[in-house]
Amino acid sequence: AKKRKSLDVKKSLDAQTRQPKNNALSMDGPLDLVNCGPSSLQCFSGEDNAYGTRKKAQQKQVKLWCGEYMLEKNRALDAERKEEQDYAHYVLEQDRIRSELEVAAKRKKDEDARLRQFENMEYARQARERKEEELEADNNARRLESHYLQTCPLLTEDTKLATNVNAEHRFRPDHFKGFQKDQVNQVYKENDAVVEEKRRICAHEA
């Protein structure tokens, strides 16, 4: 009986080998004893009967890991995208604040420039008025000085100061300023008369 059983298994194996390779039954499918011979019931030493279950479990685990990895990757991408958006918003806000500060600084600079211009104009007006006042004061001082020099009895050397109050024909030596023009001419005439008299005397004696 054992020998007959071995022959049946051999015939079944031979029949299986003659069938096309793609027509072989899957390992996890139900057994069809009509189409499968007794050889399909054999179990070989070292055969992994839990391979299919373990492979499915591994595939399921890998699929789960891939799903978790994709979720983590999407979360990282979303976080990175949100960070980029936040940074872009931060940069835009910084640009806006910087622009407002620049506008305010320019406005203040223009106001300071206008204020300095008004102050400089006021200083120039005050300096011009002071210069005109100083020039007018100098002119008045020159006019007063000129009038004083022209009217001061001491500086004009008025000859009347040399006349003695008690005797008009006498002069005060401390105030004598010289003879008047007619007096000088009279002295010249008297000198000429004296010279002519001496010449006449000398001619008569000769």
N, C-alpha and C. Protein backbone atom coordinates (compact mmCIF):
# COMPACT_ATOMS: atom_id res chain seq x y z
N ALA A 1 0.84 -1.19 0.00
CA ALA A 1 0.00 0.00 0.00
C ALA A 1 0.87 1.24 0.00
N LYS A 2 1.95 1.18 0.78
CA LYS A 2 2.85 2.33 0.83
C LYS A 2 3.51 2.56 -0.51
N LYS A 3 3.85 1.47 -1.17
CA LYS A 3 4.49 1.61 -2.47
C LYS A 3 3.50 2.18 -3.47
N ARG A 4 2.24 1.74 -3.38
CA ARG A 4 1.22 2.25 -4.30
C ARG A 4 0.96 3.75 -4.03
N LYS A 5 1.01 4.12 -2.77
CA LYS A 5 0.81 5.52 -2.44
C LYS A 5 1.93 6.39 -3.00
N SER A 6 3.13 5.90 -2.92
CA SER A 6 4.27 6.65 -3.46
C SER A 6 4.15 6.80 -4.97
N LEU A 7 3.67 5.73 -5.61
CA LEU A 7 3.49 5.83 -7.06
C LEU A 7 2.42 6.84 -7.41
N ASP A 8 1.37 6.91 -6.63
CA ASP A 8 0.31 7.90 -6.90
C ASP A 8 0.84 9.33 -6.75
N VAL A 9 1.65 9.55 -5.73
CA VAL A 9 2.22 10.89 -5.52
C VAL A 9 3.14 11.28 -6.67
N LYS A 10 3.90 10.27 -7.16
CA LYS A 10 4.81 10.54 -8.27
C LYS A 10 4.03 10.88 -9.52
N LYS A 11 2.95 10.14 -9.76
CA LYS A 11 2.13 10.44 -10.93
C LYS A 11 1.53 11.84 -10.83
N SER A 12 1.09 12.19 -9.62
CA SER A 12 0.51 13.53 -9.43
C SER A 12 1.55 14.63 -9.68
N LEU A 13 2.76 14.40 -9.23
CA LEU A 13 3.83 15.39 -9.45
C LEU A 13 4.15 15.52 -10.93
N ASP A 14 4.18 14.35 -11.58
CA ASP A 14 4.45 14.40 -13.02
C ASP A 14 3.35 15.15 -13.75
N ALA A 15 2.10 14.95 -13.31
CA ALA A 15 0.99 15.66 -13.95
C ALA A 15 1.09 17.17 -13.70
N GLN A 16 1.49 17.50 -12.50
CA GLN A 16 1.62 18.94 -12.18
C GLN A 16 2.73 19.60 -12.96
N THR A 17 3.80 18.93 -13.14
CA THR A 17 4.91 19.53 -13.89
C THR A 17 4.59 19.72 -15.35
N ARG A 18 3.70 18.89 -15.88
CA ARG A 18 3.32 19.05 -17.29
C ARG A 18 2.33 20.19 -17.52
N GLN A 19 1.66 20.70 -16.44
CA GLN A 19 0.74 21.82 -16.59
C GLN A 19 1.51 23.14 -16.75
N PRO A 20 0.88 24.11 -17.44
CA PRO A 20 1.55 25.44 -17.56
C PRO A 20 1.85 26.04 -16.19
N LYS A 21 2.92 26.82 -16.14
CA LYS A 21 3.35 27.37 -14.84
C LYS A 21 2.34 28.37 -14.29
N ASN A 22 1.73 29.16 -15.16
CA ASN A 22 0.78 30.18 -14.69
C ASN A 22 -0.53 29.60 -14.22
N ASN A 23 -0.77 28.30 -14.50
CA ASN A 23 -2.01 27.69 -14.07
C ASN A 23 -1.91 27.08 -12.69
N ALA A 24 -0.77 27.23 -12.06
CA ALA A 24 -0.61 26.65 -10.73
C ALA A 24 -1.52 27.38 -9.75
N LEU A 25 -2.04 26.62 -8.79
CA LEU A 25 -2.92 27.22 -7.79
C LEU A 25 -2.12 28.08 -6.82
N SER A 26 -2.77 29.09 -6.30
CA SER A 26 -2.10 29.93 -5.31
C SER A 26 -1.96 29.17 -4.01
N MET A 27 -1.01 29.62 -3.20
CA MET A 27 -0.71 28.88 -1.99
C MET A 27 -1.80 29.01 -0.94
N ASP A 28 -2.49 30.17 -0.95
CA ASP A 28 -3.50 30.38 0.08
C ASP A 28 -4.90 30.04 -0.39
N GLY A 29 -5.05 29.47 -1.61
CA GLY A 29 -6.38 29.12 -2.10
C GLY A 29 -6.86 27.78 -1.54
N PRO A 30 -8.13 27.52 -1.68
CA PRO A 30 -8.65 26.23 -1.20
C PRO A 30 -8.16 25.08 -2.09
N LEU A 31 -8.04 23.93 -1.53
CA LEU A 31 -7.56 22.77 -2.27
C LEU A 31 -8.70 22.16 -3.09
N ASP A 32 -8.40 21.91 -4.32
CA ASP A 32 -9.36 21.22 -5.22
C ASP A 32 -8.80 19.83 -5.46
N LEU A 33 -9.34 18.86 -4.71
CA LEU A 33 -8.79 17.51 -4.80
C LEU A 33 -9.05 16.86 -6.15
N VAL A 34 -10.02 17.41 -6.90
CA VAL A 34 -10.28 16.85 -8.23
C VAL A 34 -9.12 17.17 -9.16
N ASN A 35 -8.69 18.47 -9.09
CA ASN A 35 -7.59 18.89 -9.97
C ASN A 35 -6.22 18.65 -9.33
N CYS A 36 -6.17 18.62 -8.01
CA CYS A 36 -4.90 18.44 -7.31
C CYS A 36 -4.77 16.98 -6.88
N GLY A 37 -3.64 16.51 -7.07
CA GLY A 37 -3.41 15.14 -6.66
C GLY A 37 -3.01 15.04 -5.21
N PRO A 38 -2.69 13.88 -4.79
CA PRO A 38 -2.26 13.69 -3.40
C PRO A 38 -0.99 14.45 -3.05
N SER A 39 -0.21 14.85 -4.07
CA SER A 39 1.05 15.54 -3.77
C SER A 39 0.80 16.91 -3.14
N SER A 40 -0.39 17.50 -3.35
CA SER A 40 -0.66 18.83 -2.80
C SER A 40 -0.81 18.79 -1.29
N LEU A 41 -0.98 17.57 -0.73
CA LEU A 41 -1.12 17.46 0.71
C LEU A 41 0.21 17.27 1.41
N GLN A 42 1.29 17.18 0.67
CA GLN A 42 2.59 16.95 1.28
C GLN A 42 3.10 18.20 2.01
N CYS A 43 3.79 18.02 3.08
CA CYS A 43 4.48 19.10 3.84
C CYS A 43 5.95 18.72 3.94
N PHE A 44 6.78 19.60 3.45
CA PHE A 44 8.21 19.35 3.44
C PHE A 44 8.86 19.88 4.71
N SER A 45 9.95 19.28 5.07
CA SER A 45 10.67 19.71 6.26
C SER A 45 11.28 21.10 6.01
N GLY A 46 11.06 22.02 6.94
CA GLY A 46 11.58 23.39 6.79
C GLY A 46 10.63 24.31 6.05
N GLU A 47 9.49 23.84 5.61
CA GLU A 47 8.55 24.69 4.87
C GLU A 47 7.87 25.66 5.84
N ASP A 48 7.77 26.94 5.41
CA ASP A 48 7.16 28.00 6.23
C ASP A 48 5.70 28.10 5.86
N ASN A 49 4.86 27.47 6.68
CA ASN A 49 3.43 27.49 6.37
C ASN A 49 2.77 28.84 6.70
N ALA A 50 3.42 29.62 7.60
CA ALA A 50 2.86 30.93 7.98
C ALA A 50 3.42 32.07 7.13
N TYR A 51 4.07 31.72 6.03
CA TYR A 51 4.70 32.76 5.19
C TYR A 51 3.67 33.74 4.66
N GLY A 52 2.55 33.22 4.15
CA GLY A 52 1.55 34.11 3.57
C GLY A 52 0.95 35.04 4.60
N THR A 53 0.63 34.49 5.78
CA THR A 53 0.05 35.34 6.83
C THR A 53 1.05 36.38 7.31
N ARG A 54 2.29 35.89 7.47
CA ARG A 54 3.33 36.84 7.92
C ARG A 54 3.59 37.92 6.87
N LYS A 55 3.58 37.53 5.59
CA LYS A 55 3.82 38.49 4.52
C LYS A 55 2.72 39.54 4.49
N LYS A 56 1.45 39.08 4.65
CA LYS A 56 0.35 40.05 4.67
C LYS A 56 0.49 41.01 5.85
N ALA A 57 0.87 40.41 7.00
CA ALA A 57 1.04 41.26 8.18
C ALA A 57 2.16 42.28 7.95
N GLN A 58 3.25 41.80 7.32
CA GLN A 58 4.35 42.72 7.02
C GLN A 58 3.93 43.80 6.04
N GLN A 59 3.20 43.39 4.99
CA GLN A 59 2.72 44.38 4.03
C GLN A 59 1.79 45.39 4.68
N LYS A 60 0.93 44.86 5.59
CA LYS A 60 0.03 45.77 6.29
C LYS A 60 0.80 46.74 7.17
N GLN A 61 1.85 46.18 7.82
CA GLN A 61 2.67 47.03 8.68
C GLN A 61 3.43 48.08 7.85
N VAL A 62 3.98 47.63 6.71
CA VAL A 62 4.69 48.57 5.83
C VAL A 62 3.75 49.64 5.32
N LYS A 63 2.51 49.20 4.96
CA LYS A 63 1.51 50.16 4.48
C LYS A 63 1.16 51.16 5.57
N LEU A 64 1.05 50.64 6.81
CA LEU A 64 0.77 51.53 7.94
C LEU A 64 1.91 52.50 8.16
N TRP A 65 3.15 51.97 8.10
CA TRP A 65 4.30 52.86 8.25
C TRP A 65 4.36 53.90 7.14
N CYS A 66 4.08 53.47 5.91
CA CYS A 66 4.08 54.44 4.79
C CYS A 66 3.03 55.53 4.99
N GLY A 67 1.83 55.06 5.48
CA GLY A 67 0.80 56.05 5.76
C GLY A 67 1.22 57.04 6.83
N GLU A 68 1.81 56.50 7.92
CA GLU A 68 2.28 57.39 8.98
C GLU A 68 3.39 58.31 8.48
N TYR A 69 4.29 57.75 7.65
CA TYR A 69 5.36 58.59 7.09
C TYR A 69 4.81 59.71 6.21
N MET A 70 3.79 59.34 5.38
CA MET A 70 3.18 60.36 4.52
C MET A 70 2.48 61.43 5.35
N LEU A 71 1.77 60.98 6.41
CA LEU A 71 1.13 61.96 7.28
C LEU A 71 2.15 62.87 7.94
N GLU A 72 3.23 62.25 8.45
CA GLU A 72 4.29 63.06 9.07
C GLU A 72 4.93 64.01 8.07
N LYS A 73 5.15 63.48 6.84
CA LYS A 73 5.73 64.32 5.81
C LYS A 73 4.80 65.48 5.45
N ASN A 74 3.49 65.17 5.33
CA ASN A 74 2.53 66.23 5.02
C ASN A 74 2.46 67.26 6.14
N ARG A 75 2.48 66.75 7.38
CA ARG A 75 2.48 67.69 8.51
C ARG A 75 3.73 68.57 8.48
N ALA A 76 4.89 67.94 8.17
CA ALA A 76 6.13 68.72 8.08
C ALA A 76 6.04 69.75 6.96
N LEU A 77 5.48 69.31 5.80
CA LEU A 77 5.32 70.26 4.69
C LEU A 77 4.37 71.39 5.05
N ASP A 78 3.26 71.02 5.74
CA ASP A 78 2.33 72.06 6.16
C ASP A 78 2.98 73.02 7.16
N ALA A 79 3.75 72.44 8.09
CA ALA A 79 4.44 73.30 9.06
C ALA A 79 5.46 74.19 8.38
N GLU A 80 6.20 73.60 7.41
CA GLU A 80 7.19 74.40 6.67
C GLU A 80 6.50 75.49 5.86
N ARG A 81 5.38 75.12 5.21
CA ARG A 81 4.64 76.10 4.43
C ARG A 81 4.10 77.23 5.33
N LYS A 82 3.56 76.81 6.49
CA LYS A 82 3.05 77.82 7.43
C LYS A 82 4.18 78.70 7.94
N GLU A 83 5.34 78.09 8.20
CA GLU A 83 6.49 78.89 8.64
C GLU A 83 6.93 79.88 7.57
N GLU A 84 6.93 79.43 6.32
CA GLU A 84 7.28 80.33 5.22
C GLU A 84 6.27 81.46 5.10
N GLN A 85 4.96 81.12 5.25
CA GLN A 85 3.94 82.16 5.20
C GLN A 85 4.09 83.15 6.35
N ASP A 86 4.37 82.61 7.54
CA ASP A 86 4.58 83.49 8.70
C ASP A 86 5.80 84.39 8.48
N TYR A 87 6.86 83.80 7.93
CA TYR A 87 8.06 84.60 7.67
C TYR A 87 7.78 85.66 6.60
N ALA A 88 7.04 85.28 5.55
CA ALA A 88 6.69 86.25 4.52
C ALA A 88 5.84 87.37 5.11
N HIS A 89 4.89 86.99 5.97
CA HIS A 89 4.06 88.01 6.63
C HIS A 89 4.92 88.90 7.53
N TYR A 90 5.87 88.27 8.23
CA TYR A 90 6.78 89.04 9.08
C TYR A 90 7.61 90.03 8.26
N VAL A 91 8.13 89.56 7.13
CA VAL A 91 8.94 90.43 6.26
C VAL A 91 8.09 91.58 5.72
N LEU A 92 6.87 91.26 5.29
CA LEU A 92 5.98 92.32 4.79
C LEU A 92 5.66 93.33 5.88
N GLU A 93 5.42 92.81 7.09
CA GLU A 93 5.13 93.72 8.20
C GLU A 93 6.34 94.59 8.52
N GLN A 94 7.52 93.98 8.48
CA GLN A 94 8.74 94.75 8.71
C GLN A 94 8.93 95.82 7.63
N ASP A 95 8.67 95.45 6.38
CA ASP A 95 8.78 96.42 5.30
C ASP A 95 7.77 97.56 5.48
N ARG A 96 6.57 97.21 5.91
CA ARG A 96 5.56 98.24 6.12
C ARG A 96 5.97 99.19 7.24
N ILE A 97 6.44 98.62 8.35
CA ILE A 97 6.87 99.45 9.47
C ILE A 97 8.07 100.30 9.08
N ARG A 98 9.02 99.67 8.34
CA ARG A 98 10.20 100.42 7.91
C ARG A 98 9.80 101.57 6.98
N SER A 99 8.85 101.29 6.09
CA SER A 99 8.38 102.34 5.18
C SER A 99 7.71 103.47 5.95
N GLU A 100 6.88 103.11 6.94
CA GLU A 100 6.23 104.15 7.74
C GLU A 100 7.27 104.96 8.52
N LEU A 101 8.27 104.28 9.06
CA LEU A 101 9.33 105.00 9.79
C LEU A 101 10.11 105.92 8.87
N GLU A 102 10.40 105.44 7.65
CA GLU A 102 11.12 106.28 6.70
C GLU A 102 10.29 107.50 6.31
N VAL A 103 8.99 107.28 6.10
CA VAL A 103 8.12 108.41 5.75
C VAL A 103 8.07 109.41 6.90
N ALA A 104 7.91 108.90 8.14
CA ALA A 104 7.88 109.79 9.31
C ALA A 104 9.21 110.52 9.47
N ALA A 105 10.33 109.81 9.26
CA ALA A 105 11.64 110.45 9.38
C ALA A 105 11.83 111.52 8.31
N LYS A 106 11.39 111.23 7.09
CA LYS A 106 11.50 112.21 6.02
C LYS A 106 10.62 113.43 6.31
N ARG A 107 9.40 113.18 6.82
CA ARG A 107 8.51 114.29 7.16
C ARG A 107 9.13 115.16 8.25
N LYS A 108 9.69 114.51 9.28
CA LYS A 108 10.33 115.27 10.36
C LYS A 108 11.55 116.02 9.84
N LYS A 109 12.31 115.39 8.95
CA LYS A 109 13.48 116.05 8.39
C LYS A 109 13.07 117.27 7.58
N ASP A 110 11.99 117.14 6.80
CA ASP A 110 11.50 118.29 6.02
C ASP A 110 11.01 119.40 6.94
N GLU A 111 10.29 119.01 8.01
CA GLU A 111 9.82 120.02 8.95
C GLU A 111 10.99 120.72 9.64
N ASP A 112 12.01 119.95 10.03
CA ASP A 112 13.19 120.56 10.64
C ASP A 112 13.90 121.48 9.67
N ALA A 113 13.96 121.07 8.40
CA ALA A 113 14.60 121.92 7.39
C ALA A 113 13.83 123.22 7.20
N ARG A 114 12.48 123.12 7.15
CA ARG A 114 11.68 124.35 7.02
C ARG A 114 11.83 125.23 8.25
N LEU A 115 11.85 124.60 9.43
CA LEU A 115 12.03 125.38 10.65
C LEU A 115 13.39 126.08 10.67
N ARG A 116 14.44 125.35 10.28
CA ARG A 116 15.77 125.98 10.21
C ARG A 116 15.79 127.10 9.18
N GLN A 117 15.08 126.90 8.06
CA GLN A 117 15.02 127.94 7.04
C GLN A 117 14.35 129.19 7.60
N PHE A 118 13.22 129.00 8.29
CA PHE A 118 12.54 130.15 8.90
C PHE A 118 13.43 130.82 9.94
N GLU A 119 14.12 130.00 10.75
CA GLU A 119 15.02 130.58 11.75
C GLU A 119 16.16 131.34 11.08
N ASN A 120 16.72 130.79 10.03
CA ASN A 120 17.80 131.48 9.32
C ASN A 120 17.31 132.78 8.70
N MET A 121 16.09 132.74 8.14
CA MET A 121 15.53 133.98 7.58
C MET A 121 15.32 135.02 8.67
N GLU A 122 14.83 134.56 9.84
CA GLU A 122 14.63 135.50 10.95
C GLU A 122 15.96 136.05 11.44
N TYR A 123 16.97 135.17 11.56
CA TYR A 123 18.30 135.63 11.97
C TYR A 123 18.88 136.61 10.96
N ALA A 124 18.68 136.31 9.67
CA ALA A 124 19.19 137.22 8.63
C ALA A 124 18.49 138.57 8.71
N ARG A 125 17.16 138.54 8.96
CA ARG A 125 16.43 139.81 9.07
C ARG A 125 16.92 140.61 10.28
N GLN A 126 17.09 139.90 11.41
CA GLN A 126 17.59 140.59 12.59
C GLN A 126 19.00 141.13 12.38
N ALA A 127 19.86 140.33 11.74
CA ALA A 127 21.22 140.81 11.46
C ALA A 127 21.19 142.01 10.52
N ARG A 128 20.31 141.96 9.50
CA ARG A 128 20.20 143.09 8.57
C ARG A 128 19.71 144.35 9.30
N GLU A 129 18.73 144.18 10.20
CA GLU A 129 18.24 145.32 10.97
C GLU A 129 19.33 145.87 11.88
N ARG A 130 20.08 144.96 12.55
CA ARG A 130 21.17 145.43 13.41
C ARG A 130 22.23 146.16 12.60
N LYS A 131 22.52 145.63 11.41
CA LYS A 131 23.52 146.29 10.57
C LYS A 131 23.04 147.67 10.13
N GLU A 132 21.75 147.74 9.76
CA GLU A 132 21.21 149.05 9.38
C GLU A 132 21.21 150.01 10.56
N GLU A 133 20.83 149.51 11.76
CA GLU A 133 20.86 150.37 12.94
C GLU A 133 22.27 150.82 13.26
N GLU A 134 23.24 149.88 13.17
CA GLU A 134 24.63 150.26 13.43
C GLU A 134 25.12 151.27 12.41
N LEU A 135 24.74 151.06 11.12
CA LEU A 135 25.16 152.00 10.09
C LEU A 135 24.54 153.38 10.33
N GLU A 136 23.25 153.39 10.70
CA GLU A 136 22.60 154.67 10.99
C GLU A 136 23.23 155.33 12.21
N ALA A 137 23.56 154.51 13.25
CA ALA A 137 24.21 155.08 14.44
C ALA A 137 25.59 155.62 14.09
N ASP A 138 26.33 154.92 13.22
CA ASP A 138 27.64 155.42 12.80
C ASP A 138 27.50 156.73 12.03
N ASN A 139 26.50 156.77 11.15
CA ASN A 139 26.29 158.01 10.39
C ASN A 139 25.93 159.17 11.32
N ASN A 140 25.04 158.90 12.30
CA ASN A 140 24.68 159.95 13.25
C ASN A 140 25.89 160.38 14.08
N ALA A 141 26.71 159.37 14.46
CA ALA A 141 27.91 159.71 15.24
C ALA A 141 28.87 160.55 14.41
N ARG A 142 29.01 160.19 13.12
CA ARG A 142 29.89 160.99 12.24
C ARG A 142 29.36 162.41 12.08
N ARG A 143 28.01 162.52 11.92
CA ARG A 143 27.43 163.87 11.77
C ARG A 143 27.64 164.69 13.04
N LEU A 144 27.40 164.04 14.19
CA LEU A 144 27.61 164.76 15.45
C LEU A 144 29.07 165.13 15.64
N GLU A 145 29.96 164.18 15.27
CA GLU A 145 31.40 164.49 15.40
C GLU A 145 31.81 165.62 14.48
N SER A 146 31.29 165.56 13.25
CA SER A 146 31.62 166.64 12.30
C SER A 146 31.08 167.98 12.78
N HIS A 147 29.84 167.95 13.29
CA HIS A 147 29.27 169.20 13.80
C HIS A 147 30.06 169.70 14.99
N TYR A 148 30.48 168.79 15.87
CA TYR A 148 31.26 169.19 17.03
C TYR A 148 32.61 169.76 16.62
N LEU A 149 33.26 169.09 15.65
CA LEU A 149 34.56 169.60 15.20
C LEU A 149 34.44 170.95 14.52
N GLN A 150 33.30 171.16 13.87
CA GLN A 150 33.12 172.44 13.17
C GLN A 150 32.67 173.56 14.10
N THR A 151 32.05 173.20 15.22
CA THR A 151 31.51 174.23 16.11
C THR A 151 32.26 174.36 17.43
N CYS A 152 33.17 173.44 17.75
CA CYS A 152 33.89 173.51 19.01
C CYS A 152 34.83 174.73 18.99
N PRO A 153 34.70 175.63 19.94
CA PRO A 153 35.56 176.83 19.95
C PRO A 153 37.04 176.50 20.11
N LEU A 154 37.33 175.44 20.88
CA LEU A 154 38.74 175.08 21.11
C LEU A 154 39.38 174.51 19.86
N LEU A 155 38.63 173.63 19.17
CA LEU A 155 39.21 172.97 18.01
C LEU A 155 39.21 173.87 16.77
N THR A 156 38.27 174.78 16.69
CA THR A 156 38.23 175.69 15.53
C THR A 156 39.19 176.87 15.67
N GLU A 157 39.84 177.01 16.83
CA GLU A 157 40.83 178.06 17.10
C GLU A 157 40.22 179.45 16.84
N ASP A 158 39.15 179.69 17.53
CA ASP A 158 38.51 180.99 17.41
C ASP A 158 39.43 182.06 18.01
N THR A 159 39.74 183.05 17.21
CA THR A 159 40.68 184.11 17.65
C THR A 159 40.08 185.02 18.71
N LYS A 160 38.76 184.99 18.87
CA LYS A 160 38.14 185.84 19.87
C LYS A 160 38.50 185.41 21.28
N LEU A 161 38.87 184.11 21.42
CA LEU A 161 39.27 183.65 22.74
C LEU A 161 40.59 184.26 23.19
N ALA A 162 41.40 184.70 22.24
CA ALA A 162 42.68 185.31 22.60
C ALA A 162 42.55 186.77 23.05
N THR A 163 41.40 187.40 22.84
CA THR A 163 41.21 188.80 23.21
C THR A 163 41.01 188.91 24.72
N ASN A 164 41.71 189.85 25.30
CA ASN A 164 41.57 190.10 26.73
C ASN A 164 40.22 190.75 26.99
N VAL A 165 39.56 190.27 28.02
CA VAL A 165 38.23 190.80 28.32
C VAL A 165 38.32 192.25 28.80
N ASN A 166 39.34 192.55 29.58
CA ASN A 166 39.47 193.91 30.14
C ASN A 166 40.02 194.90 29.14
N ALA A 167 40.84 194.42 28.20
CA ALA A 167 41.42 195.33 27.19
C ALA A 167 41.41 194.63 25.85
N GLU A 168 40.59 195.14 24.96
CA GLU A 168 40.42 194.46 23.68
C GLU A 168 41.65 194.56 22.81
N HIS A 169 42.54 195.57 23.05
CA HIS A 169 43.73 195.70 22.22
C HIS A 169 44.85 194.77 22.68
N ARG A 170 44.60 194.04 23.78
CA ARG A 170 45.59 193.12 24.30
C ARG A 170 45.14 191.68 24.07
N PHE A 171 46.09 190.77 24.02
CA PHE A 171 45.82 189.36 23.76
C PHE A 171 46.26 188.51 24.93
N ARG A 172 45.55 187.42 25.10
CA ARG A 172 45.92 186.46 26.13
C ARG A 172 46.94 185.47 25.55
N PRO A 173 48.14 185.42 26.12
CA PRO A 173 49.15 184.52 25.54
C PRO A 173 48.74 183.05 25.57
N ASP A 174 47.98 182.65 26.62
CA ASP A 174 47.61 181.23 26.72
C ASP A 174 46.53 180.83 25.74
N HIS A 175 45.83 181.83 25.14
CA HIS A 175 44.78 181.53 24.16
C HIS A 175 45.05 182.18 22.81
N PHE A 176 46.28 182.66 22.60
CA PHE A 176 46.58 183.34 21.33
C PHE A 176 46.66 182.30 20.21
N LYS A 177 45.83 182.48 19.19
CA LYS A 177 45.75 181.55 18.07
C LYS A 177 46.30 182.14 16.79
N GLY A 178 46.91 183.32 16.85
CA GLY A 178 47.45 183.95 15.65
C GLY A 178 46.58 185.12 15.20
N PHE A 179 47.16 185.92 14.28
CA PHE A 179 46.45 187.11 13.78
C PHE A 179 45.41 186.70 12.75
N GLN A 180 44.44 187.61 12.63
CA GLN A 180 43.47 187.42 11.58
C GLN A 180 44.07 187.81 10.23
N LYS A 181 43.37 187.55 9.16
CA LYS A 181 43.92 187.77 7.83
C LYS A 181 44.15 189.25 7.55
N ASP A 182 43.21 190.11 7.96
CA ASP A 182 43.40 191.56 7.73
C ASP A 182 44.54 192.10 8.57
N GLN A 183 44.71 191.53 9.78
CA GLN A 183 45.83 191.96 10.61
C GLN A 183 47.15 191.55 9.98
N VAL A 184 47.17 190.33 9.44
CA VAL A 184 48.40 189.88 8.78
C VAL A 184 48.72 190.78 7.58
N ASN A 185 47.70 191.11 6.82
CA ASN A 185 47.92 192.00 5.67
C ASN A 185 48.41 193.37 6.12
N GLN A 186 47.87 193.84 7.22
CA GLN A 186 48.31 195.13 7.75
C GLN A 186 49.76 195.09 8.17
N VAL A 187 50.15 193.98 8.78
CA VAL A 187 51.56 193.83 9.18
C VAL A 187 52.46 193.82 7.95
N TYR A 188 52.01 193.11 6.90
CA TYR A 188 52.80 193.11 5.66
C TYR A 188 52.94 194.51 5.10
N LYS A 189 51.86 195.28 5.14
CA LYS A 189 51.92 196.67 4.61
C LYS A 189 52.87 197.52 5.43
N GLU A 190 52.80 197.41 6.75
CA GLU A 190 53.71 198.18 7.60
C GLU A 190 55.16 197.78 7.36
N ASN A 191 55.39 196.48 7.18
CA ASN A 191 56.77 196.05 6.88
C ASN A 191 57.25 196.60 5.54
N ASP A 192 56.36 196.59 4.56
CA ASP A 192 56.74 197.16 3.26
C ASP A 192 57.02 198.65 3.37
N ALA A 193 56.26 199.33 4.21
CA ALA A 193 56.48 200.78 4.39
C ALA A 193 57.82 201.04 5.05
N VAL A 194 58.15 200.19 6.05
CA VAL A 194 59.43 200.35 6.72
C VAL A 194 60.58 200.10 5.76
N VAL A 195 60.44 199.06 4.95
CA VAL A 195 61.48 198.75 3.99
C VAL A 195 61.64 199.90 2.98
N GLU A 196 60.55 200.50 2.53
CA GLU A 196 60.61 201.61 1.58
C GLU A 196 61.24 202.83 2.20
N GLU A 197 60.94 203.07 3.48
CA GLU A 197 61.53 204.22 4.19
C GLU A 197 63.03 204.03 4.31
N LYS A 198 63.48 202.82 4.62
CA LYS A 198 64.92 202.60 4.73
C LYS A 198 65.59 202.76 3.38
N ARG A 199 64.95 202.32 2.32
CA ARG A 199 65.56 202.47 1.00
C ARG A 199 65.69 203.97 0.63
N ARG A 200 64.67 204.72 0.96
CA ARG A 200 64.72 206.15 0.64
C ARG A 200 65.82 206.86 1.43
N ILE A 201 65.95 206.47 2.68
CA ILE A 201 67.00 207.09 3.51
C ILE A 201 68.36 206.74 2.95
N CYS A 202 68.54 205.50 2.60
CA CYS A 202 69.83 205.08 2.06
C CYS A 202 70.13 205.80 0.73
N ALA A 203 69.14 206.03 -0.07
CA ALA A 203 69.35 206.73 -1.34
C ALA A 203 69.66 208.17 -1.13
N HIS A 204 69.07 208.80 -0.10
CA HIS A 204 69.34 210.21 0.19
C HIS A 204 70.75 210.41 0.73
N GLU A 205 71.19 209.50 1.56
CA GLU A 205 72.54 209.60 2.09
C GLU A 205 73.61 209.36 1.05
N ALA A 206 73.29 208.59 0.06
CA ALA A 206 74.28 208.36 -0.98
C ALA A 206 74.38 209.57 -1.86
